[in-house]
Amino acid sequence: MRQSGYYGADALAQRQRTSRRDLADRVALGQVIVGGPETVLAQVRRIHDELGAGVLDLVVGAQLGERTLHSIELFGAKVLPRMREL
């Protein structure tokens, strides 16, 4: 990795990218997607437009029990079908 320059090319930028941030900063950076269906769709659209991302790797906060299940159901019913338009 060191030879690739991943850490060596701009070590300060890497440290800033991986440092602890509050939720608003992480949402702004596209590290976290959170909110209701319209908000989540807007965040996904922004990530797609800015990065050209075609694959979204989601990790769900499974420790929330029924709230997590409800979030997954909302995502599948309200967000996922509209993501196909992107």
PDB file of N, CA and C in Angstrom:
ATOM      1  N   MET A   1       0.820  -1.188   0.000  1.00  0.00           N
ATOM      2  CA  MET A   1       0.000   0.000   0.000  1.00  0.00           C
ATOM      3  C   MET A   1       0.865   1.253   0.000  1.00  0.00           C
ATOM      4  N   ARG A   2       1.929   1.202   0.738  1.00  0.00           N
ATOM      5  CA  ARG A   2       2.773   2.373   0.810  1.00  0.00           C
ATOM      6  C   ARG A   2       3.312   2.741  -0.566  1.00  0.00           C
ATOM      7  N   GLN A   3       3.663   1.760  -1.382  1.00  0.00           N
ATOM      8  CA  GLN A   3       4.186   2.032  -2.706  1.00  0.00           C
ATOM      9  C   GLN A   3       3.124   2.628  -3.624  1.00  0.00           C
ATOM     10  N   SER A   4       1.892   2.277  -3.422  1.00  0.00           N
ATOM     11  CA  SER A   4       0.826   2.784  -4.279  1.00  0.00           C
ATOM     12  C   SER A   4       0.568   4.261  -4.048  1.00  0.00           C
ATOM     13  N   GLY A   5       1.044   4.789  -2.927  1.00  0.00           N
ATOM     14  CA  GLY A   5       0.815   6.191  -2.623  1.00  0.00           C
ATOM     15  C   GLY A   5      -0.499   6.444  -1.913  1.00  0.00           C
ATOM     16  N   TYR A   6      -1.245   5.379  -1.657  1.00  0.00           N
ATOM     17  CA  TYR A   6      -2.552   5.561  -1.026  1.00  0.00           C
ATOM     18  C   TYR A   6      -2.425   6.316   0.290  1.00  0.00           C
ATOM     19  N   TYR A   7      -1.474   5.929   1.113  1.00  0.00           N
ATOM     20  CA  TYR A   7      -1.275   6.636   2.369  1.00  0.00           C
ATOM     21  C   TYR A   7      -0.210   7.711   2.258  1.00  0.00           C
ATOM     22  N   GLY A   8       0.750   7.501   1.382  1.00  0.00           N
ATOM     23  CA  GLY A   8       1.878   8.418   1.335  1.00  0.00           C
ATOM     24  C   GLY A   8       1.657   9.671   0.517  1.00  0.00           C
ATOM     25  N   ALA A   9       0.789   9.638  -0.471  1.00  0.00           N
ATOM     26  CA  ALA A   9       0.628  10.783  -1.361  1.00  0.00           C
ATOM     27  C   ALA A   9       0.095  12.001  -0.619  1.00  0.00           C
ATOM     28  N   ASP A  10      -0.826  11.815   0.242  1.00  0.00           N
ATOM     29  CA  ASP A  10      -1.387  12.927   0.993  1.00  0.00           C
ATOM     30  C   ASP A  10      -1.863  12.415   2.350  1.00  0.00           C
ATOM     31  N   ALA A  11      -0.925  12.156   3.226  1.00  0.00           N
ATOM     32  CA  ALA A  11      -1.232  11.555   4.524  1.00  0.00           C
ATOM     33  C   ALA A  11      -2.193  12.421   5.335  1.00  0.00           C
ATOM     34  N   LEU A  12      -2.043  13.745   5.259  1.00  0.00           N
ATOM     35  CA  LEU A  12      -2.929  14.633   6.018  1.00  0.00           C
ATOM     36  C   LEU A  12      -4.375  14.482   5.548  1.00  0.00           C
ATOM     37  N   ALA A  13      -4.589  14.444   4.247  1.00  0.00           N
ATOM     38  CA  ALA A  13      -5.944  14.273   3.719  1.00  0.00           C
ATOM     39  C   ALA A  13      -6.529  12.939   4.161  1.00  0.00           C
ATOM     40  N   GLN A  14      -5.711  11.885   4.180  1.00  0.00           N
ATOM     41  CA  GLN A  14      -6.189  10.574   4.619  1.00  0.00           C
ATOM     42  C   GLN A  14      -6.598  10.612   6.089  1.00  0.00           C
ATOM     43  N   ARG A  15      -5.792  11.235   6.923  1.00  0.00           N
ATOM     44  CA  ARG A  15      -6.141  11.323   8.344  1.00  0.00           C
ATOM     45  C   ARG A  15      -7.430  12.106   8.538  1.00  0.00           C
ATOM     46  N   GLN A  16      -7.621  13.186   7.785  1.00  0.00           N
ATOM     47  CA  GLN A  16      -8.844  13.975   7.908  1.00  0.00           C
ATOM     48  C   GLN A  16     -10.056  13.185   7.427  1.00  0.00           C
ATOM     49  N   ARG A  17      -9.880  12.407   6.361  1.00  0.00           N
ATOM     50  CA  ARG A  17     -10.986  11.631   5.811  1.00  0.00           C
ATOM     51  C   ARG A  17     -11.464  10.567   6.786  1.00  0.00           C
ATOM     52  N   THR A  18     -10.548   9.986   7.538  1.00  0.00           N
ATOM     53  CA  THR A  18     -10.905   8.884   8.427  1.00  0.00           C
ATOM     54  C   THR A  18     -11.074   9.304   9.891  1.00  0.00           C
ATOM     55  N   SER A  19     -10.899  10.588  10.189  1.00  0.00           N
ATOM     56  CA  SER A  19     -11.042  11.029  11.576  1.00  0.00           C
ATOM     57  C   SER A  19     -12.509  11.001  12.002  1.00  0.00           C
ATOM     58  N   ARG A  20     -12.731  11.016  13.286  1.00  0.00           N
ATOM     59  CA  ARG A  20     -14.098  10.988  13.812  1.00  0.00           C
ATOM     60  C   ARG A  20     -14.798  12.296  13.458  1.00  0.00           C
ATOM     61  N   ARG A  21     -16.041  12.176  13.024  1.00  0.00           N
ATOM     62  CA  ARG A  21     -16.845  13.332  12.631  1.00  0.00           C
ATOM     63  C   ARG A  21     -18.242  13.180  13.215  1.00  0.00           C
ATOM     64  N   ASP A  22     -18.944  14.317  13.300  1.00  0.00           N
ATOM     65  CA  ASP A  22     -20.327  14.216  13.768  1.00  0.00           C
ATOM     66  C   ASP A  22     -21.216  13.745  12.614  1.00  0.00           C
ATOM     67  N   LEU A  23     -22.448  13.418  12.931  1.00  0.00           N
ATOM     68  CA  LEU A  23     -23.353  12.821  11.958  1.00  0.00           C
ATOM     69  C   LEU A  23     -23.569  13.728  10.746  1.00  0.00           C
ATOM     70  N   ALA A  24     -23.757  15.019  10.970  1.00  0.00           N
ATOM     71  CA  ALA A  24     -23.997  15.950   9.852  1.00  0.00           C
ATOM     72  C   ALA A  24     -22.821  15.957   8.879  1.00  0.00           C
ATOM     73  N   ASP A  25     -21.599  15.938   9.395  1.00  0.00           N
ATOM     74  CA  ASP A  25     -20.420  15.890   8.531  1.00  0.00           C
ATOM     75  C   ASP A  25     -20.370  14.590   7.739  1.00  0.00           C
ATOM     76  N   ARG A  26     -20.685  13.494   8.398  1.00  0.00           N
ATOM     77  CA  ARG A  26     -20.636  12.190   7.720  1.00  0.00           C
ATOM     78  C   ARG A  26     -21.701  12.095   6.629  1.00  0.00           C
ATOM     79  N   VAL A  27     -22.873  12.680   6.873  1.00  0.00           N
ATOM     80  CA  VAL A  27     -23.914  12.718   5.845  1.00  0.00           C
ATOM     81  C   VAL A  27     -23.437  13.573   4.674  1.00  0.00           C
ATOM     82  N   ALA A  28     -22.874  14.742   4.965  1.00  0.00           N
ATOM     83  CA  ALA A  28     -22.382  15.646   3.916  1.00  0.00           C
ATOM     84  C   ALA A  28     -21.300  14.990   3.067  1.00  0.00           C
ATOM     85  N   LEU A  29     -20.487  14.145   3.682  1.00  0.00           N
ATOM     86  CA  LEU A  29     -19.417  13.454   2.960  1.00  0.00           C
ATOM     87  C   LEU A  29     -19.902  12.206   2.223  1.00  0.00           C
ATOM     88  N   GLY A  30     -21.161  11.832   2.437  1.00  0.00           N
ATOM     89  CA  GLY A  30     -21.691  10.638   1.793  1.00  0.00           C
ATOM     90  C   GLY A  30     -21.293   9.348   2.484  1.00  0.00           C
ATOM     91  N   GLN A  31     -20.803   9.458   3.718  1.00  0.00           N
ATOM     92  CA  GLN A  31     -20.398   8.273   4.477  1.00  0.00           C
ATOM     93  C   GLN A  31     -21.585   7.597   5.146  1.00  0.00           C
ATOM     94  N   VAL A  32     -22.629   8.372   5.431  1.00  0.00           N
ATOM     95  CA  VAL A  32     -23.811   7.870   6.117  1.00  0.00           C
ATOM     96  C   VAL A  32     -25.037   8.366   5.363  1.00  0.00           C
ATOM     97  N   ILE A  33     -26.006   7.494   5.189  1.00  0.00           N
ATOM     98  CA  ILE A  33     -27.279   7.852   4.571  1.00  0.00           C
ATOM     99  C   ILE A  33     -28.340   7.649   5.632  1.00  0.00           C
ATOM    100  N   VAL A  34     -29.071   8.713   5.942  1.00  0.00           N
ATOM    101  CA  VAL A  34     -30.031   8.642   7.038  1.00  0.00           C
ATOM    102  C   VAL A  34     -31.186   9.589   6.759  1.00  0.00           C
ATOM    103  N   GLY A  35     -32.399   9.187   7.184  1.00  0.00           N
ATOM    104  CA  GLY A  35     -33.566  10.047   7.035  1.00  0.00           C
ATOM    105  C   GLY A  35     -34.749   9.283   6.491  1.00  0.00           C
ATOM    106  N   GLY A  36     -35.785  10.027   6.154  1.00  0.00           N
ATOM    107  CA  GLY A  36     -36.968   9.441   5.551  1.00  0.00           C
ATOM    108  C   GLY A  36     -36.695   9.094   4.093  1.00  0.00           C
ATOM    109  N   PRO A  37     -37.662   8.444   3.437  1.00  0.00           N
ATOM    110  CA  PRO A  37     -37.452   8.002   2.058  1.00  0.00           C
ATOM    111  C   PRO A  37     -37.009   9.109   1.099  1.00  0.00           C
ATOM    112  N   GLU A  38     -37.619  10.282   1.153  1.00  0.00           N
ATOM    113  CA  GLU A  38     -37.243  11.373   0.239  1.00  0.00           C
ATOM    114  C   GLU A  38     -35.827  11.864   0.513  1.00  0.00           C
ATOM    115  N   THR A  39     -35.481  11.980   1.794  1.00  0.00           N
ATOM    116  CA  THR A  39     -34.141  12.428   2.173  1.00  0.00           C
ATOM    117  C   THR A  39     -33.097  11.408   1.746  1.00  0.00           C
ATOM    118  N   VAL A  40     -33.372  10.139   1.987  1.00  0.00           N
ATOM    119  CA  VAL A  40     -32.440   9.078   1.608  1.00  0.00           C
ATOM    120  C   VAL A  40     -32.259   9.055   0.092  1.00  0.00           C
ATOM    121  N   LEU A  41     -33.346   9.179  -0.641  1.00  0.00           N
ATOM    122  CA  LEU A  41     -33.252   9.184  -2.097  1.00  0.00           C
ATOM    123  C   LEU A  41     -32.416  10.372  -2.580  1.00  0.00           C
ATOM    124  N   ALA A  42     -32.602  11.526  -1.981  1.00  0.00           N
ATOM    125  CA  ALA A  42     -31.809  12.702  -2.354  1.00  0.00           C
ATOM    126  C   ALA A  42     -30.324  12.466  -2.066  1.00  0.00           C
ATOM    127  N   GLN A  43     -30.007  11.829  -0.941  1.00  0.00           N
ATOM    128  CA  GLN A  43     -28.613  11.549  -0.604  1.00  0.00           C
ATOM    129  C   GLN A  43     -28.019  10.547  -1.596  1.00  0.00           C
ATOM    130  N   VAL A  44     -28.769   9.514  -1.938  1.00  0.00           N
ATOM    131  CA  VAL A  44     -28.302   8.514  -2.895  1.00  0.00           C
ATOM    132  C   VAL A  44     -28.084   9.170  -4.262  1.00  0.00           C
ATOM    133  N   ARG A  45     -29.012  10.025  -4.669  1.00  0.00           N
ATOM    134  CA  ARG A  45     -28.893  10.716  -5.952  1.00  0.00           C
ATOM    135  C   ARG A  45     -27.631  11.598  -5.977  1.00  0.00           C
ATOM    136  N   ARG A  46     -27.381  12.303  -4.869  1.00  0.00           N
ATOM    137  CA  ARG A  46     -26.194  13.154  -4.803  1.00  0.00           C
ATOM    138  C   ARG A  46     -24.916  12.328  -4.917  1.00  0.00           C
ATOM    139  N   ILE A  47     -24.864  11.204  -4.215  1.00  0.00           N
ATOM    140  CA  ILE A  47     -23.693  10.320  -4.282  1.00  0.00           C
ATOM    141  C   ILE A  47     -23.515   9.814  -5.707  1.00  0.00           C
ATOM    142  N   HIS A  48     -24.597   9.423  -6.335  1.00  0.00           N
ATOM    143  CA  HIS A  48     -24.543   8.939  -7.719  1.00  0.00           C
ATOM    144  C   HIS A  48     -24.035  10.039  -8.657  1.00  0.00           C
ATOM    145  N   ASP A  49     -24.597  11.239  -8.525  1.00  0.00           N
ATOM    146  CA  ASP A  49     -24.227  12.334  -9.412  1.00  0.00           C
ATOM    147  C   ASP A  49     -22.789  12.799  -9.212  1.00  0.00           C
ATOM    148  N   GLU A  50     -22.358  12.885  -7.948  1.00  0.00           N
ATOM    149  CA  GLU A  50     -21.015  13.388  -7.659  1.00  0.00           C
ATOM    150  C   GLU A  50     -19.925  12.358  -7.910  1.00  0.00           C
ATOM    151  N   LEU A  51     -20.209  11.099  -7.616  1.00  0.00           N
ATOM    152  CA  LEU A  51     -19.181  10.070  -7.713  1.00  0.00           C
ATOM    153  C   LEU A  51     -19.359   9.132  -8.896  1.00  0.00           C
ATOM    154  N   GLY A  52     -20.539   9.153  -9.483  1.00  0.00           N
ATOM    155  CA  GLY A  52     -20.820   8.205 -10.547  1.00  0.00           C
ATOM    156  C   GLY A  52     -20.969   6.790 -10.011  1.00  0.00           C
ATOM    157  N   ALA A  53     -21.256   6.680  -8.728  1.00  0.00           N
ATOM    158  CA  ALA A  53     -21.355   5.369  -8.089  1.00  0.00           C
ATOM    159  C   ALA A  53     -22.529   4.591  -8.665  1.00  0.00           C
ATOM    160  N   GLY A  54     -22.287   3.345  -9.044  1.00  0.00           N
ATOM    161  CA  GLY A  54     -23.333   2.487  -9.559  1.00  0.00           C
ATOM    162  C   GLY A  54     -23.700   1.378  -8.592  1.00  0.00           C
ATOM    163  N   VAL A  55     -22.908   1.237  -7.538  1.00  0.00           N
ATOM    164  CA  VAL A  55     -23.148   0.208  -6.527  1.00  0.00           C
ATOM    165  C   VAL A  55     -23.199   0.903  -5.174  1.00  0.00           C
ATOM    166  N   LEU A  56     -24.206   0.565  -4.398  1.00  0.00           N
ATOM    167  CA  LEU A  56     -24.364   1.145  -3.070  1.00  0.00           C
ATOM    168  C   LEU A  56     -24.223   0.027  -2.055  1.00  0.00           C
ATOM    169  N   ASP A  57     -23.235   0.126  -1.194  1.00  0.00           N
ATOM    170  CA  ASP A  57     -22.975  -0.888  -0.174  1.00  0.00           C
ATOM    171  C   ASP A  57     -23.573  -0.398   1.139  1.00  0.00           C
ATOM    172  N   LEU A  58     -24.670  -1.011   1.549  1.00  0.00           N
ATOM    173  CA  LEU A  58     -25.370  -0.568   2.747  1.00  0.00           C
ATOM    174  C   LEU A  58     -25.095  -1.483   3.931  1.00  0.00           C
ATOM    175  N   VAL A  59     -24.879  -0.867   5.073  1.00  0.00           N
ATOM    176  CA  VAL A  59     -24.769  -1.589   6.333  1.00  0.00           C
ATOM    177  C   VAL A  59     -25.871  -1.022   7.225  1.00  0.00           C
ATOM    178  N   VAL A  60     -26.775  -1.873   7.626  1.00  0.00           N
ATOM    179  CA  VAL A  60     -27.941  -1.445   8.398  1.00  0.00           C
ATOM    180  C   VAL A  60     -27.654  -1.572   9.882  1.00  0.00           C
ATOM    181  N   GLY A  61     -28.097  -0.578  10.662  1.00  0.00           N
ATOM    182  CA  GLY A  61     -27.927  -0.609  12.112  1.00  0.00           C
ATOM    183  C   GLY A  61     -28.836  -1.652  12.739  1.00  0.00           C
ATOM    184  N   ALA A  62     -28.432  -2.910  12.691  1.00  0.00           N
ATOM    185  CA  ALA A  62     -29.281  -4.028  13.110  1.00  0.00           C
ATOM    186  C   ALA A  62     -29.626  -4.021  14.597  1.00  0.00           C
ATOM    187  N   GLN A  63     -28.929  -3.259  15.389  1.00  0.00           N
ATOM    188  CA  GLN A  63     -29.175  -3.280  16.828  1.00  0.00           C
ATOM    189  C   GLN A  63     -30.466  -2.567  17.224  1.00  0.00           C
ATOM    190  N   LEU A  64     -31.188  -1.998  16.257  1.00  0.00           N
ATOM    191  CA  LEU A  64     -32.388  -1.248  16.589  1.00  0.00           C
ATOM    192  C   LEU A  64     -33.671  -2.070  16.531  1.00  0.00           C
ATOM    193  N   GLY A  65     -33.565  -3.361  16.292  1.00  0.00           N
ATOM    194  CA  GLY A  65     -34.719  -4.253  16.351  1.00  0.00           C
ATOM    195  C   GLY A  65     -35.809  -3.912  15.356  1.00  0.00           C
ATOM    196  N   GLU A  66     -37.019  -3.667  15.845  1.00  0.00           N
ATOM    197  CA  GLU A  66     -38.177  -3.392  14.993  1.00  0.00           C
ATOM    198  C   GLU A  66     -37.977  -2.134  14.160  1.00  0.00           C
ATOM    199  N   ARG A  67     -37.306  -1.143  14.695  1.00  0.00           N
ATOM    200  CA  ARG A  67     -37.034   0.084  13.925  1.00  0.00           C
ATOM    201  C   ARG A  67     -36.166  -0.231  12.720  1.00  0.00           C
ATOM    202  N   THR A  68     -35.221  -1.150  12.882  1.00  0.00           N
ATOM    203  CA  THR A  68     -34.373  -1.544  11.765  1.00  0.00           C
ATOM    204  C   THR A  68     -35.208  -2.245  10.699  1.00  0.00           C
ATOM    205  N   LEU A  69     -36.051  -3.145  11.104  1.00  0.00           N
ATOM    206  CA  LEU A  69     -36.909  -3.855  10.167  1.00  0.00           C
ATOM    207  C   LEU A  69     -37.798  -2.866   9.408  1.00  0.00           C
ATOM    208  N   HIS A  70     -38.357  -1.911  10.111  1.00  0.00           N
ATOM    209  CA  HIS A  70     -39.194  -0.887   9.479  1.00  0.00           C
ATOM    210  C   HIS A  70     -38.374  -0.072   8.467  1.00  0.00           C
ATOM    211  N   SER A  71     -37.151   0.273   8.812  1.00  0.00           N
ATOM    212  CA  SER A  71     -36.278   1.028   7.902  1.00  0.00           C
ATOM    213  C   SER A  71     -35.978   0.241   6.635  1.00  0.00           C
ATOM    214  N   ILE A  72     -35.709  -1.036   6.787  1.00  0.00           N
ATOM    215  CA  ILE A  72     -35.430  -1.892   5.627  1.00  0.00           C
ATOM    216  C   ILE A  72     -36.666  -1.982   4.739  1.00  0.00           C
ATOM    217  N   GLU A  73     -37.847  -2.131   5.360  1.00  0.00           N
ATOM    218  CA  GLU A  73     -39.081  -2.202   4.587  1.00  0.00           C
ATOM    219  C   GLU A  73     -39.341  -0.894   3.833  1.00  0.00           C
ATOM    220  N   LEU A  74     -39.129   0.240   4.496  1.00  0.00           N
ATOM    221  CA  LEU A  74     -39.292   1.537   3.833  1.00  0.00           C
ATOM    222  C   LEU A  74     -38.323   1.688   2.671  1.00  0.00           C
ATOM    223  N   PHE A  75     -37.076   1.309   2.894  1.00  0.00           N
ATOM    224  CA  PHE A  75     -36.076   1.416   1.840  1.00  0.00           C
ATOM    225  C   PHE A  75     -36.496   0.578   0.632  1.00  0.00           C
ATOM    226  N   GLY A  76     -36.919  -0.648   0.881  1.00  0.00           N
ATOM    227  CA  GLY A  76     -37.321  -1.531  -0.208  1.00  0.00           C
ATOM    228  C   GLY A  76     -38.570  -1.062  -0.935  1.00  0.00           C
ATOM    229  N   ALA A  77     -39.509  -0.475  -0.207  1.00  0.00           N
ATOM    230  CA  ALA A  77     -40.778  -0.068  -0.807  1.00  0.00           C
ATOM    231  C   ALA A  77     -40.739   1.327  -1.425  1.00  0.00           C
ATOM    232  N   LYS A  78     -40.027   2.256  -0.793  1.00  0.00           N
ATOM    233  CA  LYS A  78     -40.099   3.661  -1.206  1.00  0.00           C
ATOM    234  C   LYS A  78     -38.848   4.180  -1.903  1.00  0.00           C
ATOM    235  N   VAL A  79     -37.685   3.649  -1.580  1.00  0.00           N
ATOM    236  CA  VAL A  79     -36.435   4.192  -2.123  1.00  0.00           C
ATOM    237  C   VAL A  79     -35.920   3.340  -3.285  1.00  0.00           C
ATOM    238  N   LEU A  80     -35.785   2.061  -3.062  1.00  0.00           N
ATOM    239  CA  LEU A  80     -35.186   1.171  -4.067  1.00  0.00           C
ATOM    240  C   LEU A  80     -35.869   1.257  -5.435  1.00  0.00           C
ATOM    241  N   PRO A  81     -37.207   1.236  -5.511  1.00  0.00           N
ATOM    242  CA  PRO A  81     -37.818   1.329  -6.831  1.00  0.00           C
ATOM    243  C   PRO A  81     -37.448   2.621  -7.569  1.00  0.00           C
ATOM    244  N   ARG A  82     -37.293   3.708  -6.855  1.00  0.00           N
ATOM    245  CA  ARG A  82     -36.957   4.994  -7.473  1.00  0.00           C
ATOM    246  C   ARG A  82     -35.468   5.110  -7.797  1.00  0.00           C
ATOM    247  N   MET A  83     -34.647   4.298  -7.134  1.00  0.00           N
ATOM    248  CA  MET A  83     -33.215   4.310  -7.450  1.00  0.00           C
ATOM    249  C   MET A  83     -32.957   3.752  -8.834  1.00  0.00           C
ATOM    250  N   ARG A  84     -33.843   2.936  -9.312  1.00  0.00           N
ATOM    251  CA  ARG A  84     -33.662   2.336 -10.643  1.00  0.00           C
ATOM    252  C   ARG A  84     -33.678   3.407 -11.731  1.00  0.00           C
ATOM    253  N   GLU A  85     -34.261   4.568 -11.441  1.00  0.00           N
ATOM    254  CA  GLU A  85     -34.299   5.686 -12.389  1.00  0.00           C
ATOM    255  C   GLU A  85     -32.931   6.328 -12.562  1.00  0.00           C
ATOM    256  N   LEU A  86     -32.047   6.133 -11.614  1.00  0.00           N
ATOM    257  CA  LEU A  86     -30.747   6.827 -11.653  1.00  0.00           C
ATOM    258  C   LEU A  86     -29.864   6.316 -12.744  1.00  0.00           C
TER     259      LEU A  86
END
